[in-house]
Amino acid sequence: MTTGGMTHPLEPHGTGIGQRLNWLRAGVLGANDGIVSVAGVVVGVAAAAPSNVAAIAT
């Protein structure tokens, strides 16, 4: 069972630069995940296309 984000008032919370910029890390990793997923779909569709042209991914 989770508390839904509630914390104890005496629990220490990070306020350093790492905690404040965690949103940047999450955004970069999320964008990278999206790019890799889309590229995988594009390469998969290109490789499955019935043509005589070789599919080259760089």
PDB file of N, CA and C in Angstrom:
ATOM      1  N   MET A   1       0.848  -1.176   0.000  1.00  0.00           N
ATOM      2  CA  MET A   1       0.000   0.000   0.000  1.00  0.00           C
ATOM      3  C   MET A   1       0.889   1.233   0.000  1.00  0.00           C
ATOM      4  N   THR A   2       0.596   2.176  -0.858  1.00  0.00           N
ATOM      5  CA  THR A   2       1.389   3.395  -0.931  1.00  0.00           C
ATOM      6  C   THR A   2       0.646   4.548  -0.283  1.00  0.00           C
ATOM      7  N   THR A   3       1.400   5.587   0.048  1.00  0.00           N
ATOM      8  CA  THR A   3       0.801   6.749   0.708  1.00  0.00           C
ATOM      9  C   THR A   3       0.422   7.829  -0.284  1.00  0.00           C
ATOM     10  N   GLY A   4       0.665   7.616  -1.570  1.00  0.00           N
ATOM     11  CA  GLY A   4       0.269   8.593  -2.577  1.00  0.00           C
ATOM     12  C   GLY A   4       1.096   9.860  -2.569  1.00  0.00           C
ATOM     13  N   GLY A   5       2.384   9.764  -2.247  1.00  0.00           N
ATOM     14  CA  GLY A   5       3.245  10.925  -2.282  1.00  0.00           C
ATOM     15  C   GLY A   5       3.317  11.689  -0.977  1.00  0.00           C
ATOM     16  N   MET A   6       2.603  11.261   0.035  1.00  0.00           N
ATOM     17  CA  MET A   6       2.655  11.951   1.322  1.00  0.00           C
ATOM     18  C   MET A   6       3.943  11.565   2.036  1.00  0.00           C
ATOM     19  N   THR A   7       4.594  12.525   2.652  1.00  0.00           N
ATOM     20  CA  THR A   7       5.836  12.268   3.368  1.00  0.00           C
ATOM     21  C   THR A   7       5.709  12.745   4.802  1.00  0.00           C
ATOM     22  N   HIS A   8       6.562  12.225   5.613  1.00  0.00           N
ATOM     23  CA  HIS A   8       6.598  12.625   7.014  1.00  0.00           C
ATOM     24  C   HIS A   8       7.258  13.998   7.109  1.00  0.00           C
ATOM     25  N   PRO A   9       6.744  14.890   7.971  1.00  0.00           N
ATOM     26  CA  PRO A   9       7.310  16.243   8.046  1.00  0.00           C
ATOM     27  C   PRO A   9       8.775  16.281   8.472  1.00  0.00           C
ATOM     28  N   LEU A  10       9.242  15.277   9.207  1.00  0.00           N
ATOM     29  CA  LEU A  10      10.630  15.271   9.661  1.00  0.00           C
ATOM     30  C   LEU A  10      11.566  14.547   8.693  1.00  0.00           C
ATOM     31  N   GLU A  11      11.020  14.001   7.627  1.00  0.00           N
ATOM     32  CA  GLU A  11      11.841  13.298   6.651  1.00  0.00           C
ATOM     33  C   GLU A  11      12.647  14.310   5.838  1.00  0.00           C
ATOM     34  N   PRO A  12      13.961  14.081   5.683  1.00  0.00           N
ATOM     35  CA  PRO A  12      14.771  15.042   4.920  1.00  0.00           C
ATOM     36  C   PRO A  12      14.429  14.981   3.433  1.00  0.00           C
ATOM     37  N   HIS A  13      14.354  16.129   2.803  1.00  0.00           N
ATOM     38  CA  HIS A  13      14.059  16.222   1.377  1.00  0.00           C
ATOM     39  C   HIS A  13      15.245  16.867   0.680  1.00  0.00           C
ATOM     40  N   GLY A  14      15.581  16.334  -0.483  1.00  0.00           N
ATOM     41  CA  GLY A  14      16.684  16.898  -1.248  1.00  0.00           C
ATOM     42  C   GLY A  14      16.287  18.209  -1.901  1.00  0.00           C
ATOM     43  N   THR A  15      17.108  19.219  -1.711  1.00  0.00           N
ATOM     44  CA  THR A  15      16.848  20.510  -2.343  1.00  0.00           C
ATOM     45  C   THR A  15      18.050  20.953  -3.168  1.00  0.00           C
ATOM     46  N   GLY A  16      18.969  20.034  -3.423  1.00  0.00           N
ATOM     47  CA  GLY A  16      20.169  20.380  -4.186  1.00  0.00           C
ATOM     48  C   GLY A  16      19.870  20.494  -5.667  1.00  0.00           C
ATOM     49  N   ILE A  17      20.920  20.782  -6.408  1.00  0.00           N
ATOM     50  CA  ILE A  17      20.784  20.958  -7.851  1.00  0.00           C
ATOM     51  C   ILE A  17      20.332  19.664  -8.518  1.00  0.00           C
ATOM     52  N   GLY A  18      20.744  18.526  -7.971  1.00  0.00           N
ATOM     53  CA  GLY A  18      20.332  17.241  -8.534  1.00  0.00           C
ATOM     54  C   GLY A  18      18.839  17.017  -8.430  1.00  0.00           C
ATOM     55  N   GLN A  19      18.262  17.377  -7.330  1.00  0.00           N
ATOM     56  CA  GLN A  19      16.821  17.225  -7.138  1.00  0.00           C
ATOM     57  C   GLN A  19      16.041  18.233  -7.971  1.00  0.00           C
ATOM     58  N   ARG A  20      16.551  19.442  -8.061  1.00  0.00           N
ATOM     59  CA  ARG A  20      15.825  20.483  -8.797  1.00  0.00           C
ATOM     60  C   ARG A  20      15.860  20.258 -10.298  1.00  0.00           C
ATOM     61  N   LEU A  21      16.909  19.621 -10.795  1.00  0.00           N
ATOM     62  CA  LEU A  21      17.023  19.400 -12.234  1.00  0.00           C
ATOM     63  C   LEU A  21      16.650  17.978 -12.643  1.00  0.00           C
ATOM     64  N   ASN A  22      16.001  17.250 -11.759  1.00  0.00           N
ATOM     65  CA  ASN A  22      15.590  15.887 -12.080  1.00  0.00           C
ATOM     66  C   ASN A  22      14.598  15.872 -13.240  1.00  0.00           C
ATOM     67  N   TRP A  23      13.818  16.929 -13.391  1.00  0.00           N
ATOM     68  CA  TRP A  23      12.867  17.007 -14.504  1.00  0.00           C
ATOM     69  C   TRP A  23      13.599  17.015 -15.841  1.00  0.00           C
ATOM     70  N   LEU A  24      14.793  17.622 -15.886  1.00  0.00           N
ATOM     71  CA  LEU A  24      15.570  17.655 -17.124  1.00  0.00           C
ATOM     72  C   LEU A  24      16.036  16.255 -17.494  1.00  0.00           C
ATOM     73  N   ARG A  25      16.514  15.523 -16.518  1.00  0.00           N
ATOM     74  CA  ARG A  25      16.956  14.153 -16.749  1.00  0.00           C
ATOM     75  C   ARG A  25      15.798  13.300 -17.256  1.00  0.00           C
ATOM     76  N   ALA A  26      14.648  13.422 -16.615  1.00  0.00           N
ATOM     77  CA  ALA A  26      13.479  12.651 -17.027  1.00  0.00           C
ATOM     78  C   ALA A  26      13.052  13.020 -18.445  1.00  0.00           C
ATOM     79  N   GLY A  27      13.118  14.290 -18.774  1.00  0.00           N
ATOM     80  CA  GLY A  27      12.741  14.718 -20.121  1.00  0.00           C
ATOM     81  C   GLY A  27      13.680  14.195 -21.184  1.00  0.00           C
ATOM     82  N   VAL A  28      14.971  14.247 -20.914  1.00  0.00           N
ATOM     83  CA  VAL A  28      15.959  13.766 -21.886  1.00  0.00           C
ATOM     84  C   VAL A  28      15.825  12.261 -22.082  1.00  0.00           C
ATOM     85  N   LEU A  29      15.693  11.526 -20.996  1.00  0.00           N
ATOM     86  CA  LEU A  29      15.558  10.075 -21.121  1.00  0.00           C
ATOM     87  C   LEU A  29      14.245   9.695 -21.792  1.00  0.00           C
ATOM     88  N   GLY A  30      13.186  10.436 -21.506  1.00  0.00           N
ATOM     89  CA  GLY A  30      11.908  10.167 -22.155  1.00  0.00           C
ATOM     90  C   GLY A  30      11.955  10.448 -23.646  1.00  0.00           C
ATOM     91  N   ALA A  31      12.606  11.542 -24.025  1.00  0.00           N
ATOM     92  CA  ALA A  31      12.739  11.868 -25.446  1.00  0.00           C
ATOM     93  C   ALA A  31      13.581  10.818 -26.159  1.00  0.00           C
ATOM     94  N   ASN A  32      14.646  10.375 -25.517  1.00  0.00           N
ATOM     95  CA  ASN A  32      15.504   9.346 -26.101  1.00  0.00           C
ATOM     96  C   ASN A  32      14.714   8.059 -26.307  1.00  0.00           C
ATOM     97  N   ASP A  33      13.900   7.691 -25.342  1.00  0.00           N
ATOM     98  CA  ASP A  33      13.081   6.489 -25.449  1.00  0.00           C
ATOM     99  C   ASP A  33      12.107   6.611 -26.614  1.00  0.00           C
ATOM    100  N   GLY A  34      11.515   7.789 -26.770  1.00  0.00           N
ATOM    101  CA  GLY A  34      10.584   8.003 -27.871  1.00  0.00           C
ATOM    102  C   GLY A  34      11.259   7.928 -29.222  1.00  0.00           C
ATOM    103  N   ILE A  35      12.447   8.509 -29.326  1.00  0.00           N
ATOM    104  CA  ILE A  35      13.183   8.489 -30.594  1.00  0.00           C
ATOM    105  C   ILE A  35      13.552   7.061 -30.973  1.00  0.00           C
ATOM    106  N   VAL A  36      14.013   6.285 -30.009  1.00  0.00           N
ATOM    107  CA  VAL A  36      14.400   4.901 -30.284  1.00  0.00           C
ATOM    108  C   VAL A  36      13.183   4.074 -30.681  1.00  0.00           C
ATOM    109  N   SER A  37      12.053   4.285 -30.030  1.00  0.00           N
ATOM    110  CA  SER A  37      10.840   3.537 -30.359  1.00  0.00           C
ATOM    111  C   SER A  37      10.367   3.842 -31.776  1.00  0.00           C
ATOM    112  N   VAL A  38      10.322   5.110 -32.124  1.00  0.00           N
ATOM    113  CA  VAL A  38       9.873   5.500 -33.466  1.00  0.00           C
ATOM    114  C   VAL A  38      10.849   4.997 -34.519  1.00  0.00           C
ATOM    115  N   ALA A  39      12.139   5.111 -34.257  1.00  0.00           N
ATOM    116  CA  ALA A  39      13.132   4.627 -35.212  1.00  0.00           C
ATOM    117  C   ALA A  39      13.005   3.117 -35.412  1.00  0.00           C
ATOM    118  N   GLY A  40      12.720   2.395 -34.347  1.00  0.00           N
ATOM    119  CA  GLY A  40      12.536   0.951 -34.462  1.00  0.00           C
ATOM    120  C   GLY A  40      11.350   0.586 -35.333  1.00  0.00           C
ATOM    121  N   VAL A  41      10.256   1.318 -35.181  1.00  0.00           N
ATOM    122  CA  VAL A  41       9.076   1.068 -36.011  1.00  0.00           C
ATOM    123  C   VAL A  41       9.371   1.397 -37.471  1.00  0.00           C
ATOM    124  N   VAL A  42      10.023   2.526 -37.719  1.00  0.00           N
ATOM    125  CA  VAL A  42      10.337   2.931 -39.095  1.00  0.00           C
ATOM    126  C   VAL A  42      11.252   1.913 -39.763  1.00  0.00           C
ATOM    127  N   VAL A  43      12.285   1.474 -39.076  1.00  0.00           N
ATOM    128  CA  VAL A  43      13.207   0.492 -39.651  1.00  0.00           C
ATOM    129  C   VAL A  43      12.500  -0.840 -39.863  1.00  0.00           C
ATOM    130  N   GLY A  44      11.641  -1.226 -38.934  1.00  0.00           N
ATOM    131  CA  GLY A  44      10.899  -2.474 -39.092  1.00  0.00           C
ATOM    132  C   GLY A  44       9.971  -2.450 -40.288  1.00  0.00           C
ATOM    133  N   VAL A  45       9.260  -1.350 -40.476  1.00  0.00           N
ATOM    134  CA  VAL A  45       8.362  -1.230 -41.629  1.00  0.00           C
ATOM    135  C   VAL A  45       9.160  -1.174 -42.924  1.00  0.00           C
ATOM    136  N   ALA A  46      10.268  -0.450 -42.924  1.00  0.00           N
ATOM    137  CA  ALA A  46      11.094  -0.362 -44.134  1.00  0.00           C
ATOM    138  C   ALA A  46      11.685  -1.722 -44.495  1.00  0.00           C
ATOM    139  N   ALA A  47      12.080  -2.491 -43.501  1.00  0.00           N
ATOM    140  CA  ALA A  47      12.664  -3.805 -43.769  1.00  0.00           C
ATOM    141  C   ALA A  47      11.610  -4.800 -44.237  1.00  0.00           C
ATOM    142  N   ALA A  48      10.358  -4.606 -43.835  1.00  0.00           N
ATOM    143  CA  ALA A  48       9.295  -5.529 -44.214  1.00  0.00           C
ATOM    144  C   ALA A  48       8.659  -5.174 -45.551  1.00  0.00           C
ATOM    145  N   ALA A  49       8.994  -4.018 -46.096  1.00  0.00           N
ATOM    146  CA  ALA A  49       8.409  -3.592 -47.374  1.00  0.00           C
ATOM    147  C   ALA A  49       8.870  -4.525 -48.493  1.00  0.00           C
ATOM    148  N   PRO A  50       7.947  -4.934 -49.344  1.00  0.00           N
ATOM    149  CA  PRO A  50       8.307  -5.866 -50.428  1.00  0.00           C
ATOM    150  C   PRO A  50       8.990  -5.140 -51.594  1.00  0.00           C
ATOM    151  N   SER A  51      10.266  -4.879 -51.443  1.00  0.00           N
ATOM    152  CA  SER A  51      11.014  -4.223 -52.515  1.00  0.00           C
ATOM    153  C   SER A  51      12.384  -4.875 -52.635  1.00  0.00           C
ATOM    154  N   ASN A  52      13.058  -4.590 -53.710  1.00  0.00           N
ATOM    155  CA  ASN A  52      14.388  -5.150 -53.942  1.00  0.00           C
ATOM    156  C   ASN A  52      15.491  -4.245 -53.420  1.00  0.00           C
ATOM    157  N   VAL A  53      15.137  -3.131 -52.805  1.00  0.00           N
ATOM    158  CA  VAL A  53      16.115  -2.179 -52.302  1.00  0.00           C
ATOM    159  C   VAL A  53      16.523  -2.595 -50.890  1.00  0.00           C
ATOM    160  N   ALA A  54      17.811  -2.549 -50.615  1.00  0.00           N
ATOM    161  CA  ALA A  54      18.309  -2.915 -49.291  1.00  0.00           C
ATOM    162  C   ALA A  54      17.994  -1.808 -48.294  1.00  0.00           C
ATOM    163  N   ALA A  55      17.582  -2.194 -47.097  1.00  0.00           N
ATOM    164  CA  ALA A  55      17.311  -1.222 -46.037  1.00  0.00           C
ATOM    165  C   ALA A  55      18.597  -1.014 -45.247  1.00  0.00           C
ATOM    166  N   ILE A  56      19.066   0.228 -45.201  1.00  0.00           N
ATOM    167  CA  ILE A  56      20.299   0.556 -44.491  1.00  0.00           C
ATOM    168  C   ILE A  56      19.961   1.526 -43.373  1.00  0.00           C
ATOM    169  N   ALA A  57      20.292   1.168 -42.142  1.00  0.00           N
ATOM    170  CA  ALA A  57      20.054   2.041 -40.990  1.00  0.00           C
ATOM    171  C   ALA A  57      21.401   2.481 -40.435  1.00  0.00           C
ATOM    172  N   THR A  58      21.576   3.777 -40.300  1.00  0.00           N
ATOM    173  CA  THR A  58      22.838   4.279 -39.755  1.00  0.00           C
ATOM    174  C   THR A  58      22.600   4.919 -38.422  1.00  0.00           C
TER     175      THR A  58
END
